[in-house]
Amino acid sequence: MGSTMNKLLLHPAAKPIVFLACLAPFAWLVVGAFTDGLGPNPAEYLIRSAGDWTLRFLCIVLAVTPLRVMFKLSGLARHRRMLGLFAYFYVVIHLLSYSWFDMGFDLPEIAKDIAKRPFILVGFSAFVLLTPLAATSFNRAIKALGARRWQRLHKLVYVIAGLGLLHFFWLRAGKNNFAEVFVYAGIVAVLLAWRVWHFVRQKKAAARPVAVSRAQPSR
């Protein structure tokens, strides 16, 4: 099963298919906007949907390594960069939609709103932290930073996911609707717990003494 899935993930057609699948939510929103299919408040629907897809893509990115290790799907690593860039794409759509529809691109008012409302400040902080991750998702950036520093920088994705969850929690607190928040929080908690468990397991394996076999002396 794992080998078959790996072949599919490594197939030349896999990347275009994953790209189109990642773009599908945006295409659906665009079609909805032009066909009056976004409900009575299209602006709010667009802002919320782009934010939801940002959080979903962050969860997908965080799930890549656990799935790759547990099911031996090395081909998944080939798609992680694209998935991360789509998380950034949707957060940019989320921010632009808020800036346009809610604030009319009035930069001083946007700055005041960010400073005044904690849930927007938290969401904007997540966007700021995600920006260098998107900017360094290319081979030249990895070479320039060095693999170790690049890996340290990209571990910020867990902080970003936490800020995204807090932003989502405060957003839903006004309507006292936390069902989806708990689902996303549970997913992130499980993925983080797996990372900690895997890290501890690797440390223990590295610290384990290696048995050296000695040849028996000839008689």
N, C-alpha and C. Protein backbone atom coordinates (compact mmCIF):
# COMPACT_ATOMS: atom_id res chain seq x y z
N MET A 1 0.83 -1.21 0.00
CA MET A 1 0.00 0.00 0.00
C MET A 1 0.87 1.26 0.00
N GLY A 2 1.88 1.29 0.91
CA GLY A 2 2.76 2.43 1.01
C GLY A 2 3.54 2.66 -0.27
N SER A 3 4.03 1.57 -0.88
CA SER A 3 4.82 1.71 -2.11
C SER A 3 3.96 2.21 -3.26
N THR A 4 2.70 1.75 -3.32
CA THR A 4 1.78 2.20 -4.37
C THR A 4 1.49 3.68 -4.21
N MET A 5 1.22 4.12 -2.96
CA MET A 5 0.95 5.52 -2.70
C MET A 5 2.16 6.39 -3.01
N ASN A 6 3.35 5.88 -2.68
CA ASN A 6 4.58 6.62 -2.99
C ASN A 6 4.75 6.81 -4.49
N LYS A 7 4.44 5.78 -5.27
CA LYS A 7 4.53 5.90 -6.72
C LYS A 7 3.59 6.98 -7.24
N LEU A 8 2.38 7.02 -6.66
CA LEU A 8 1.41 8.04 -7.07
C LEU A 8 1.89 9.44 -6.68
N LEU A 9 2.46 9.57 -5.47
CA LEU A 9 2.94 10.87 -5.01
C LEU A 9 4.14 11.36 -5.79
N LEU A 10 4.95 10.41 -6.31
CA LEU A 10 6.15 10.77 -7.07
C LEU A 10 5.90 10.85 -8.57
N HIS A 11 4.69 10.53 -9.00
CA HIS A 11 4.35 10.58 -10.42
C HIS A 11 4.43 12.03 -10.92
N PRO A 12 4.89 12.27 -12.15
CA PRO A 12 4.97 13.65 -12.67
C PRO A 12 3.64 14.40 -12.63
N ALA A 13 2.53 13.68 -12.71
CA ALA A 13 1.22 14.35 -12.70
C ALA A 13 0.75 14.72 -11.30
N ALA A 14 1.45 14.21 -10.27
CA ALA A 14 0.98 14.42 -8.89
C ALA A 14 1.00 15.89 -8.50
N LYS A 15 2.08 16.59 -8.85
CA LYS A 15 2.20 18.01 -8.45
C LYS A 15 1.10 18.88 -9.08
N PRO A 16 0.85 18.77 -10.39
CA PRO A 16 -0.25 19.56 -10.96
C PRO A 16 -1.60 19.24 -10.34
N ILE A 17 -1.82 17.96 -10.00
CA ILE A 17 -3.10 17.56 -9.39
C ILE A 17 -3.23 18.16 -8.00
N VAL A 18 -2.15 18.10 -7.20
CA VAL A 18 -2.16 18.69 -5.86
C VAL A 18 -2.35 20.20 -5.95
N PHE A 19 -1.68 20.82 -6.91
CA PHE A 19 -1.82 22.27 -7.11
C PHE A 19 -3.27 22.65 -7.40
N LEU A 20 -3.91 21.94 -8.31
CA LEU A 20 -5.30 22.23 -8.66
C LEU A 20 -6.24 21.97 -7.48
N ALA A 21 -5.94 20.91 -6.71
CA ALA A 21 -6.76 20.62 -5.53
C ALA A 21 -6.64 21.73 -4.49
N CYS A 22 -5.43 22.25 -4.31
CA CYS A 22 -5.21 23.34 -3.35
C CYS A 22 -5.86 24.64 -3.82
N LEU A 23 -5.92 24.83 -5.13
CA LEU A 23 -6.50 26.05 -5.69
C LEU A 23 -8.02 26.00 -5.76
N ALA A 24 -8.59 24.80 -5.66
CA ALA A 24 -10.04 24.62 -5.81
C ALA A 24 -10.87 25.48 -4.86
N PRO A 25 -10.52 25.59 -3.54
CA PRO A 25 -11.33 26.45 -2.66
C PRO A 25 -11.36 27.91 -3.12
N PHE A 26 -10.22 28.42 -3.61
CA PHE A 26 -10.17 29.79 -4.10
C PHE A 26 -11.04 29.95 -5.35
N ALA A 27 -10.95 28.97 -6.26
CA ALA A 27 -11.76 29.01 -7.48
C ALA A 27 -13.24 29.00 -7.13
N TRP A 28 -13.60 28.19 -6.14
CA TRP A 28 -15.00 28.11 -5.71
C TRP A 28 -15.48 29.45 -5.14
N LEU A 29 -14.61 30.12 -4.38
CA LEU A 29 -14.96 31.43 -3.83
C LEU A 29 -15.12 32.48 -4.94
N VAL A 30 -14.24 32.43 -5.94
CA VAL A 30 -14.33 33.38 -7.06
C VAL A 30 -15.63 33.16 -7.83
N VAL A 31 -15.95 31.90 -8.12
CA VAL A 31 -17.20 31.59 -8.83
C VAL A 31 -18.40 32.04 -8.00
N GLY A 32 -18.34 31.78 -6.69
CA GLY A 32 -19.43 32.20 -5.80
C GLY A 32 -19.61 33.70 -5.77
N ALA A 33 -18.49 34.43 -5.83
CA ALA A 33 -18.55 35.90 -5.81
C ALA A 33 -19.23 36.44 -7.07
N PHE A 34 -18.99 35.78 -8.22
CA PHE A 34 -19.56 36.27 -9.48
C PHE A 34 -20.97 35.73 -9.74
N THR A 35 -21.40 34.75 -8.96
CA THR A 35 -22.73 34.18 -9.17
C THR A 35 -23.65 34.39 -7.97
N ASP A 36 -23.25 35.31 -7.08
CA ASP A 36 -24.04 35.60 -5.87
C ASP A 36 -24.28 34.33 -5.03
N GLY A 37 -23.23 33.51 -4.94
CA GLY A 37 -23.36 32.26 -4.20
C GLY A 37 -22.69 32.27 -2.84
N LEU A 38 -22.37 33.45 -2.32
CA LEU A 38 -21.67 33.54 -1.04
C LEU A 38 -22.58 33.99 0.11
N GLY A 39 -23.87 33.87 -0.09
CA GLY A 39 -24.80 34.18 0.99
C GLY A 39 -25.15 35.66 1.07
N PRO A 40 -25.89 36.03 2.13
CA PRO A 40 -26.36 37.42 2.25
C PRO A 40 -25.25 38.44 2.52
N ASN A 41 -24.12 37.96 3.08
CA ASN A 41 -22.99 38.86 3.36
C ASN A 41 -21.73 38.29 2.71
N PRO A 42 -21.57 38.52 1.37
CA PRO A 42 -20.44 37.91 0.64
C PRO A 42 -19.08 38.30 1.19
N ALA A 43 -18.93 39.56 1.62
CA ALA A 43 -17.63 40.02 2.13
C ALA A 43 -17.22 39.23 3.36
N GLU A 44 -18.14 39.09 4.31
CA GLU A 44 -17.83 38.34 5.53
C GLU A 44 -17.56 36.88 5.21
N TYR A 45 -18.33 36.32 4.30
CA TYR A 45 -18.14 34.91 3.91
C TYR A 45 -16.74 34.71 3.31
N LEU A 46 -16.33 35.63 2.46
CA LEU A 46 -15.01 35.52 1.82
C LEU A 46 -13.89 35.64 2.85
N ILE A 47 -14.01 36.59 3.76
CA ILE A 47 -12.99 36.78 4.81
C ILE A 47 -12.89 35.53 5.68
N ARG A 48 -14.05 35.03 6.14
CA ARG A 48 -14.04 33.86 7.03
C ARG A 48 -13.53 32.61 6.31
N SER A 49 -13.98 32.42 5.06
CA SER A 49 -13.57 31.21 4.33
C SER A 49 -12.07 31.18 4.07
N ALA A 50 -11.50 32.33 3.69
CA ALA A 50 -10.05 32.39 3.46
C ALA A 50 -9.29 32.09 4.76
N GLY A 51 -9.79 32.61 5.89
CA GLY A 51 -9.17 32.32 7.18
C GLY A 51 -9.26 30.85 7.54
N ASP A 52 -10.44 30.25 7.29
CA ASP A 52 -10.63 28.82 7.57
C ASP A 52 -9.66 27.97 6.75
N TRP A 53 -9.51 28.32 5.47
CA TRP A 53 -8.61 27.53 4.63
C TRP A 53 -7.14 27.71 5.01
N THR A 54 -6.81 28.87 5.53
CA THR A 54 -5.45 29.06 6.05
C THR A 54 -5.17 28.08 7.18
N LEU A 55 -6.11 27.98 8.11
CA LEU A 55 -5.94 27.08 9.26
C LEU A 55 -5.91 25.62 8.81
N ARG A 56 -6.75 25.29 7.83
CA ARG A 56 -6.77 23.91 7.32
C ARG A 56 -5.44 23.55 6.67
N PHE A 57 -4.89 24.46 5.89
CA PHE A 57 -3.62 24.17 5.23
C PHE A 57 -2.47 24.10 6.23
N LEU A 58 -2.53 24.90 7.29
CA LEU A 58 -1.52 24.78 8.34
C LEU A 58 -1.57 23.39 8.98
N CYS A 59 -2.77 22.88 9.23
CA CYS A 59 -2.92 21.53 9.80
C CYS A 59 -2.39 20.47 8.83
N ILE A 60 -2.66 20.66 7.54
CA ILE A 60 -2.18 19.71 6.54
C ILE A 60 -0.65 19.70 6.49
N VAL A 61 -0.05 20.89 6.53
CA VAL A 61 1.42 20.99 6.51
C VAL A 61 2.01 20.31 7.73
N LEU A 62 1.41 20.54 8.90
CA LEU A 62 1.91 19.92 10.12
C LEU A 62 1.75 18.40 10.10
N ALA A 63 0.80 17.91 9.32
CA ALA A 63 0.54 16.46 9.27
C ALA A 63 1.48 15.73 8.30
N VAL A 64 2.20 16.47 7.45
CA VAL A 64 3.02 15.83 6.42
C VAL A 64 4.08 14.92 7.03
N THR A 65 4.86 15.43 7.98
CA THR A 65 5.94 14.61 8.56
C THR A 65 5.42 13.39 9.31
N PRO A 66 4.42 13.53 10.21
CA PRO A 66 3.89 12.33 10.87
C PRO A 66 3.40 11.28 9.89
N LEU A 67 2.67 11.70 8.86
CA LEU A 67 2.16 10.73 7.87
C LEU A 67 3.30 10.10 7.08
N ARG A 68 4.29 10.92 6.76
CA ARG A 68 5.45 10.41 6.01
C ARG A 68 6.20 9.35 6.79
N VAL A 69 6.40 9.61 8.10
CA VAL A 69 7.15 8.68 8.94
C VAL A 69 6.34 7.44 9.27
N MET A 70 5.09 7.63 9.69
CA MET A 70 4.27 6.49 10.14
C MET A 70 3.94 5.52 9.01
N PHE A 71 3.65 6.07 7.82
CA PHE A 71 3.22 5.22 6.70
C PHE A 71 4.29 5.07 5.62
N LYS A 72 5.51 5.57 5.94
CA LYS A 72 6.65 5.46 5.02
C LYS A 72 6.32 6.03 3.64
N LEU A 73 5.74 7.22 3.66
CA LEU A 73 5.36 7.91 2.43
C LEU A 73 6.36 9.03 2.14
N SER A 74 7.53 8.64 1.68
CA SER A 74 8.58 9.64 1.43
C SER A 74 8.15 10.65 0.36
N GLY A 75 7.25 10.24 -0.53
CA GLY A 75 6.78 11.14 -1.59
C GLY A 75 6.02 12.35 -1.09
N LEU A 76 5.51 12.28 0.14
CA LEU A 76 4.78 13.42 0.70
C LEU A 76 5.67 14.66 0.84
N ALA A 77 6.95 14.43 1.15
CA ALA A 77 7.88 15.56 1.34
C ALA A 77 7.98 16.42 0.09
N ARG A 78 7.74 15.81 -1.05
CA ARG A 78 7.81 16.52 -2.34
C ARG A 78 6.73 17.60 -2.45
N HIS A 79 5.65 17.47 -1.70
CA HIS A 79 4.52 18.38 -1.82
C HIS A 79 4.41 19.36 -0.64
N ARG A 80 5.27 19.21 0.36
CA ARG A 80 5.15 20.02 1.57
C ARG A 80 5.34 21.51 1.28
N ARG A 81 6.31 21.84 0.44
CA ARG A 81 6.57 23.25 0.13
C ARG A 81 5.34 23.90 -0.50
N MET A 82 4.73 23.21 -1.47
CA MET A 82 3.56 23.75 -2.13
C MET A 82 2.41 23.95 -1.15
N LEU A 83 2.20 22.99 -0.26
CA LEU A 83 1.13 23.09 0.74
C LEU A 83 1.37 24.28 1.67
N GLY A 84 2.63 24.49 2.07
CA GLY A 84 2.95 25.63 2.92
C GLY A 84 2.72 26.96 2.22
N LEU A 85 3.07 27.02 0.93
CA LEU A 85 2.86 28.25 0.17
C LEU A 85 1.37 28.53 -0.03
N PHE A 86 0.58 27.48 -0.13
CA PHE A 86 -0.87 27.69 -0.24
C PHE A 86 -1.46 28.18 1.09
N ALA A 87 -0.89 27.74 2.20
CA ALA A 87 -1.32 28.30 3.50
C ALA A 87 -1.08 29.80 3.51
N TYR A 88 0.07 30.22 2.98
CA TYR A 88 0.38 31.65 2.92
C TYR A 88 -0.53 32.37 1.91
N PHE A 89 -0.81 31.72 0.80
CA PHE A 89 -1.70 32.29 -0.21
C PHE A 89 -3.07 32.61 0.40
N TYR A 90 -3.61 31.68 1.16
CA TYR A 90 -4.95 31.89 1.73
C TYR A 90 -4.94 32.92 2.86
N VAL A 91 -3.83 33.01 3.62
CA VAL A 91 -3.79 34.05 4.66
C VAL A 91 -3.67 35.43 4.01
N VAL A 92 -2.99 35.52 2.86
CA VAL A 92 -2.92 36.80 2.14
C VAL A 92 -4.31 37.18 1.63
N ILE A 93 -5.05 36.21 1.10
CA ILE A 93 -6.43 36.47 0.65
C ILE A 93 -7.29 36.92 1.84
N HIS A 94 -7.10 36.28 2.98
CA HIS A 94 -7.83 36.62 4.21
C HIS A 94 -7.54 38.06 4.62
N LEU A 95 -6.27 38.43 4.63
CA LEU A 95 -5.87 39.78 5.04
C LEU A 95 -6.33 40.83 4.03
N LEU A 96 -6.17 40.54 2.74
CA LEU A 96 -6.59 41.49 1.72
C LEU A 96 -8.11 41.69 1.73
N SER A 97 -8.85 40.61 1.96
CA SER A 97 -10.32 40.72 2.02
C SER A 97 -10.75 41.60 3.19
N TYR A 98 -10.13 41.39 4.35
CA TYR A 98 -10.42 42.24 5.52
C TYR A 98 -10.05 43.70 5.23
N SER A 99 -8.85 43.90 4.65
CA SER A 99 -8.37 45.27 4.39
C SER A 99 -9.26 45.99 3.38
N TRP A 100 -9.78 45.24 2.41
CA TRP A 100 -10.61 45.84 1.36
C TRP A 100 -12.05 46.03 1.80
N PHE A 101 -12.70 44.92 2.18
CA PHE A 101 -14.14 44.96 2.44
C PHE A 101 -14.50 45.60 3.78
N ASP A 102 -13.66 45.36 4.80
CA ASP A 102 -13.96 45.93 6.12
C ASP A 102 -13.38 47.32 6.31
N MET A 103 -12.21 47.57 5.71
CA MET A 103 -11.48 48.80 6.02
C MET A 103 -11.25 49.72 4.82
N GLY A 104 -11.63 49.27 3.64
CA GLY A 104 -11.47 50.10 2.45
C GLY A 104 -10.03 50.48 2.14
N PHE A 105 -9.10 49.63 2.50
CA PHE A 105 -7.66 49.85 2.30
C PHE A 105 -7.18 51.16 2.94
N ASP A 106 -7.84 51.56 4.01
CA ASP A 106 -7.41 52.76 4.77
C ASP A 106 -6.34 52.32 5.76
N LEU A 107 -5.07 52.50 5.39
CA LEU A 107 -3.95 51.96 6.19
C LEU A 107 -3.91 52.49 7.62
N PRO A 108 -4.10 53.81 7.86
CA PRO A 108 -4.12 54.28 9.25
C PRO A 108 -5.22 53.63 10.08
N GLU A 109 -6.41 53.45 9.46
CA GLU A 109 -7.51 52.81 10.19
C GLU A 109 -7.24 51.33 10.43
N ILE A 110 -6.59 50.69 9.46
CA ILE A 110 -6.22 49.28 9.64
C ILE A 110 -5.25 49.13 10.80
N ALA A 111 -4.24 50.03 10.87
CA ALA A 111 -3.26 50.00 11.96
C ALA A 111 -3.94 50.21 13.31
N LYS A 112 -4.91 51.14 13.36
CA LYS A 112 -5.64 51.39 14.62
C LYS A 112 -6.46 50.17 15.01
N ASP A 113 -7.09 49.54 14.01
CA ASP A 113 -7.95 48.37 14.28
C ASP A 113 -7.12 47.20 14.80
N ILE A 114 -5.93 47.01 14.21
CA ILE A 114 -5.04 45.93 14.65
C ILE A 114 -4.62 46.15 16.10
N ALA A 115 -4.27 47.40 16.43
CA ALA A 115 -3.82 47.72 17.80
C ALA A 115 -4.95 47.66 18.80
N LYS A 116 -6.18 47.95 18.34
CA LYS A 116 -7.31 48.05 19.26
C LYS A 116 -7.95 46.70 19.57
N ARG A 117 -7.96 45.79 18.58
CA ARG A 117 -8.68 44.53 18.75
C ARG A 117 -7.69 43.37 18.85
N PRO A 118 -7.60 42.73 20.04
CA PRO A 118 -6.59 41.69 20.25
C PRO A 118 -6.67 40.53 19.26
N PHE A 119 -7.88 40.12 18.88
CA PHE A 119 -7.97 38.95 18.00
C PHE A 119 -7.41 39.27 16.60
N ILE A 120 -7.52 40.53 16.18
CA ILE A 120 -6.93 40.92 14.90
C ILE A 120 -5.41 41.03 15.04
N LEU A 121 -4.94 41.53 16.17
CA LEU A 121 -3.50 41.63 16.43
C LEU A 121 -2.85 40.25 16.40
N VAL A 122 -3.52 39.28 17.02
CA VAL A 122 -3.00 37.90 17.04
C VAL A 122 -2.96 37.33 15.62
N GLY A 123 -4.05 37.54 14.86
CA GLY A 123 -4.09 37.05 13.49
C GLY A 123 -3.03 37.71 12.62
N PHE A 124 -2.84 39.01 12.80
CA PHE A 124 -1.83 39.73 12.02
C PHE A 124 -0.42 39.25 12.40
N SER A 125 -0.21 38.95 13.68
CA SER A 125 1.09 38.43 14.13
C SER A 125 1.39 37.09 13.46
N ALA A 126 0.36 36.25 13.32
CA ALA A 126 0.54 34.96 12.64
C ALA A 126 0.94 35.19 11.18
N PHE A 127 0.31 36.17 10.54
CA PHE A 127 0.66 36.50 9.15
C PHE A 127 2.12 36.98 9.05
N VAL A 128 2.53 37.85 9.97
CA VAL A 128 3.91 38.37 9.96
C VAL A 128 4.91 37.24 10.13
N LEU A 129 4.63 36.30 11.04
CA LEU A 129 5.56 35.19 11.27
C LEU A 129 5.56 34.20 10.11
N LEU A 130 4.44 34.09 9.43
CA LEU A 130 4.36 33.16 8.30
C LEU A 130 5.10 33.69 7.07
N THR A 131 5.22 35.01 6.98
CA THR A 131 5.85 35.62 5.81
C THR A 131 7.29 35.16 5.59
N PRO A 132 8.18 35.18 6.62
CA PRO A 132 9.55 34.69 6.37
C PRO A 132 9.60 33.20 6.03
N LEU A 133 8.63 32.42 6.51
CA LEU A 133 8.61 31.00 6.16
C LEU A 133 8.30 30.83 4.68
N ALA A 134 7.34 31.63 4.18
CA ALA A 134 7.02 31.57 2.75
C ALA A 134 8.20 32.08 1.92
N ALA A 135 8.85 33.13 2.41
CA ALA A 135 9.97 33.74 1.67
C ALA A 135 11.19 32.84 1.62
N THR A 136 11.31 31.91 2.56
CA THR A 136 12.49 31.02 2.59
C THR A 136 12.14 29.59 2.21
N SER A 137 11.06 29.43 1.44
CA SER A 137 10.65 28.09 1.02
C SER A 137 11.28 27.66 -0.29
N PHE A 138 12.40 28.26 -0.62
CA PHE A 138 13.06 27.97 -1.89
C PHE A 138 14.48 27.48 -1.65
N ASN A 139 15.01 26.74 -2.61
CA ASN A 139 16.33 26.11 -2.44
C ASN A 139 17.43 27.11 -2.16
N ARG A 140 17.39 28.28 -2.82
CA ARG A 140 18.43 29.29 -2.60
C ARG A 140 18.42 29.78 -1.15
N ALA A 141 17.20 29.96 -0.60
CA ALA A 141 17.08 30.42 0.79
C ALA A 141 17.62 29.37 1.75
N ILE A 142 17.34 28.10 1.45
CA ILE A 142 17.82 27.01 2.31
C ILE A 142 19.35 26.98 2.31
N LYS A 143 19.94 27.16 1.12
CA LYS A 143 21.40 27.17 1.02
C LYS A 143 21.99 28.38 1.74
N ALA A 144 21.33 29.53 1.59
CA ALA A 144 21.83 30.76 2.22
C ALA A 144 21.76 30.69 3.74
N LEU A 145 20.68 30.15 4.26
CA LEU A 145 20.50 30.06 5.72
C LEU A 145 21.29 28.90 6.32
N GLY A 146 21.45 27.84 5.56
CA GLY A 146 22.00 26.61 6.13
C GLY A 146 20.86 25.75 6.63
N ALA A 147 20.99 24.45 6.48
CA ALA A 147 19.89 23.55 6.79
C ALA A 147 19.41 23.67 8.24
N ARG A 148 20.38 23.77 9.18
CA ARG A 148 20.00 23.81 10.59
C ARG A 148 19.22 25.06 10.95
N ARG A 149 19.69 26.23 10.51
CA ARG A 149 18.98 27.48 10.80
C ARG A 149 17.63 27.53 10.10
N TRP A 150 17.59 26.98 8.87
CA TRP A 150 16.33 26.93 8.13
C TRP A 150 15.30 26.07 8.87
N GLN A 151 15.74 24.94 9.38
CA GLN A 151 14.83 24.06 10.13
C GLN A 151 14.33 24.75 11.40
N ARG A 152 15.23 25.46 12.10
CA ARG A 152 14.82 26.19 13.31
C ARG A 152 13.77 27.24 12.97
N LEU A 153 14.01 27.98 11.90
CA LEU A 153 13.06 29.02 11.49
C LEU A 153 11.70 28.42 11.17
N HIS A 154 11.68 27.31 10.48
CA HIS A 154 10.41 26.73 10.04
C HIS A 154 9.68 25.99 11.15
N LYS A 155 10.31 25.82 12.29
CA LYS A 155 9.58 25.30 13.45
C LYS A 155 8.60 26.33 14.01
N LEU A 156 8.72 27.58 13.54
CA LEU A 156 7.75 28.62 13.92
C LEU A 156 6.34 28.28 13.48
N VAL A 157 6.21 27.30 12.58
CA VAL A 157 4.87 26.94 12.09
C VAL A 157 3.95 26.52 13.24
N TYR A 158 4.52 25.94 14.31
CA TYR A 158 3.69 25.56 15.46
C TYR A 158 3.21 26.79 16.22
N VAL A 159 4.07 27.79 16.35
CA VAL A 159 3.66 29.06 16.98
C VAL A 159 2.58 29.72 16.13
N ILE A 160 2.77 29.69 14.81
CA ILE A 160 1.80 30.30 13.89
C ILE A 160 0.45 29.59 13.99
N ALA A 161 0.48 28.26 14.05
CA ALA A 161 -0.77 27.50 14.19
C ALA A 161 -1.46 27.85 15.50
N GLY A 162 -0.68 28.00 16.59
CA GLY A 162 -1.25 28.39 17.88
C GLY A 162 -1.90 29.76 17.84
N LEU A 163 -1.23 30.72 17.18
CA LEU A 163 -1.79 32.06 17.04
C LEU A 163 -3.05 32.03 16.17
N GLY A 164 -3.02 31.20 15.13
CA GLY A 164 -4.19 31.06 14.28
C GLY A 164 -5.37 30.50 15.04
N LEU A 165 -5.11 29.53 15.90
CA LEU A 165 -6.17 28.95 16.74
C LEU A 165 -6.73 29.98 17.71
N LEU A 166 -5.85 30.77 18.32
CA LEU A 166 -6.30 31.81 19.25
C LEU A 166 -7.15 32.86 18.53
N HIS A 167 -6.70 33.24 17.34
CA HIS A 167 -7.46 34.18 16.50
C HIS A 167 -8.85 33.62 16.21
N PHE A 168 -8.91 32.35 15.83
CA PHE A 168 -10.17 31.68 15.51
C PHE A 168 -11.05 31.56 16.75
N PHE A 169 -10.43 31.26 17.90
CA PHE A 169 -11.18 31.13 19.16
C PHE A 169 -11.87 32.44 19.52
N TRP A 170 -11.11 33.55 19.47
CA TRP A 170 -11.69 34.85 19.81
C TRP A 170 -12.78 35.25 18.82
N LEU A 171 -12.59 34.87 17.57
CA LEU A 171 -13.58 35.18 16.54
C LEU A 171 -14.90 34.46 16.83
N ARG A 172 -14.80 33.20 17.24
CA ARG A 172 -16.00 32.40 17.53
C ARG A 172 -16.57 32.68 18.91
N ALA A 173 -15.77 33.29 19.79
CA ALA A 173 -16.25 33.57 21.15
C ALA A 173 -17.45 34.52 21.14
N GLY A 174 -17.48 35.43 20.17
CA GLY A 174 -18.60 36.37 20.08
C GLY A 174 -19.92 35.67 19.83
N LYS A 175 -19.88 34.53 19.15
CA LYS A 175 -21.10 33.77 18.86
C LYS A 175 -21.23 32.55 19.75
N ASN A 176 -20.27 32.40 20.68
CA ASN A 176 -20.27 31.27 21.61
C ASN A 176 -20.35 29.93 20.86
N ASN A 177 -19.58 29.83 19.79
CA ASN A 177 -19.58 28.64 18.94
C ASN A 177 -18.14 28.12 18.84
N PHE A 178 -17.83 27.10 19.63
CA PHE A 178 -16.44 26.64 19.73
C PHE A 178 -16.22 25.24 19.13
N ALA A 179 -17.23 24.67 18.49
CA ALA A 179 -17.12 23.28 18.01
C ALA A 179 -15.94 23.13 17.04
N GLU A 180 -15.86 23.99 16.02
CA GLU A 180 -14.77 23.91 15.05
C GLU A 180 -13.42 24.23 15.69
N VAL A 181 -13.42 25.16 16.64
CA VAL A 181 -12.18 25.52 17.33
C VAL A 181 -11.59 24.29 18.01
N PHE A 182 -12.43 23.52 18.69
CA PHE A 182 -11.96 22.34 19.40
C PHE A 182 -11.44 21.28 18.43
N VAL A 183 -12.05 21.18 17.25
CA VAL A 183 -11.59 20.22 16.24
C VAL A 183 -10.16 20.57 15.79
N TYR A 184 -9.97 21.83 15.42
CA TYR A 184 -8.64 22.26 14.97
C TYR A 184 -7.62 22.17 16.10
N ALA A 185 -8.03 22.57 17.30
CA ALA A 185 -7.12 22.51 18.46
C ALA A 185 -6.72 21.06 18.74
N GLY A 186 -7.66 20.14 18.61
CA GLY A 186 -7.37 18.73 18.82
C GLY A 186 -6.38 18.19 17.80
N ILE A 187 -6.57 18.58 16.53
CA ILE A 187 -5.66 18.14 15.46
C ILE A 187 -4.24 18.65 15.72
N VAL A 188 -4.12 19.95 16.03
CA VAL A 188 -2.80 20.54 16.27
C VAL A 188 -2.15 19.92 17.51
N ALA A 189 -2.94 19.68 18.56
CA ALA A 189 -2.41 19.08 19.78
C ALA A 189 -1.87 17.67 19.52
N VAL A 190 -2.60 16.88 18.74
CA VAL A 190 -2.16 15.51 18.41
C VAL A 190 -0.87 15.55 17.59
N LEU A 191 -0.82 16.45 16.60
CA LEU A 191 0.38 16.54 15.76
C LEU A 191 1.59 17.03 16.54
N LEU A 192 1.37 17.98 17.47
CA LEU A 192 2.47 18.46 18.31
C LEU A 192 2.93 17.36 19.26
N ALA A 193 1.99 16.62 19.83
CA ALA A 193 2.34 15.51 20.74
C ALA A 193 3.16 14.45 20.00
N TRP A 194 2.77 14.18 18.75
CA TRP A 194 3.53 13.21 17.96
C TRP A 194 4.95 13.70 17.74
N ARG A 195 5.11 14.99 17.44
CA ARG A 195 6.44 15.56 17.22
C ARG A 195 7.32 15.40 18.47
N VAL A 196 6.74 15.71 19.62
CA VAL A 196 7.50 15.58 20.88
C VAL A 196 7.88 14.13 21.11
N TRP A 197 6.92 13.22 20.93
CA TRP A 197 7.18 11.78 21.11
C TRP A 197 8.27 11.30 20.16
N HIS A 198 8.20 11.73 18.90
CA HIS A 198 9.17 11.31 17.89
C HIS A 198 10.56 11.86 18.21
N PHE A 199 10.61 13.10 18.69
CA PHE A 199 11.89 13.73 19.06
C PHE A 199 12.54 12.98 20.22
N VAL A 200 11.75 12.66 21.25
CA VAL A 200 12.27 11.93 22.42
C VAL A 200 12.75 10.55 22.01
N ARG A 201 11.99 9.91 21.13
CA ARG A 201 12.34 8.56 20.66
C ARG A 201 13.66 8.59 19.89
N GLN A 202 13.84 9.61 19.06
CA GLN A 202 15.09 9.73 18.30
C GLN A 202 16.28 9.99 19.22
N LYS A 203 16.06 10.81 20.26
CA LYS A 203 17.13 11.10 21.22
C LYS A 203 17.55 9.83 21.96
N LYS A 204 16.56 9.05 22.37
CA LYS A 204 16.86 7.80 23.08
C LYS A 204 17.62 6.84 22.18
N ALA A 205 17.20 6.77 20.91
CA ALA A 205 17.87 5.87 19.96
C ALA A 205 19.31 6.31 19.72
N ALA A 206 19.53 7.62 19.65
CA ALA A 206 20.89 8.14 19.43
C ALA A 206 21.78 7.90 20.63
N ALA A 207 21.18 7.91 21.84
CA ALA A 207 21.97 7.74 23.06
C ALA A 207 22.23 6.28 23.37
N ARG A 208 21.51 5.37 22.73
CA ARG A 208 21.67 3.95 23.00
C ARG A 208 23.05 3.48 22.54
N PRO A 209 23.80 2.77 23.40
CA PRO A 209 25.14 2.31 23.00
C PRO A 209 25.05 1.26 21.89
N VAL A 210 25.97 1.37 20.95
CA VAL A 210 26.01 0.43 19.83
C VAL A 210 26.87 -0.76 20.22
N ALA A 211 26.31 -1.94 20.10
CA ALA A 211 27.05 -3.15 20.46
C ALA A 211 28.08 -3.45 19.37
N VAL A 212 29.31 -3.65 19.78
CA VAL A 212 30.39 -3.94 18.83
C VAL A 212 30.74 -5.42 18.94
N SER A 213 30.56 -6.12 17.83
CA SER A 213 30.84 -7.56 17.85
C SER A 213 32.33 -7.78 17.67
N ARG A 214 32.89 -8.65 18.47
CA ARG A 214 34.32 -8.98 18.40
C ARG A 214 34.50 -10.38 17.85
N ALA A 215 35.46 -10.49 16.97
CA ALA A 215 35.71 -11.82 16.36
C ALA A 215 36.30 -12.75 17.42
N GLN A 216 35.82 -14.00 17.41
CA GLN A 216 36.34 -14.99 18.37
C GLN A 216 37.77 -15.38 17.97
N PRO A 217 38.66 -15.43 18.95
CA PRO A 217 40.04 -15.82 18.60
C PRO A 217 40.10 -17.25 18.09
N SER A 218 40.94 -17.50 17.10
CA SER A 218 41.04 -18.84 16.54
C SER A 218 41.82 -19.73 17.50
N ARG A 219 41.44 -21.00 17.56
CA ARG A 219 42.10 -21.95 18.48
C ARG A 219 43.08 -22.81 17.73
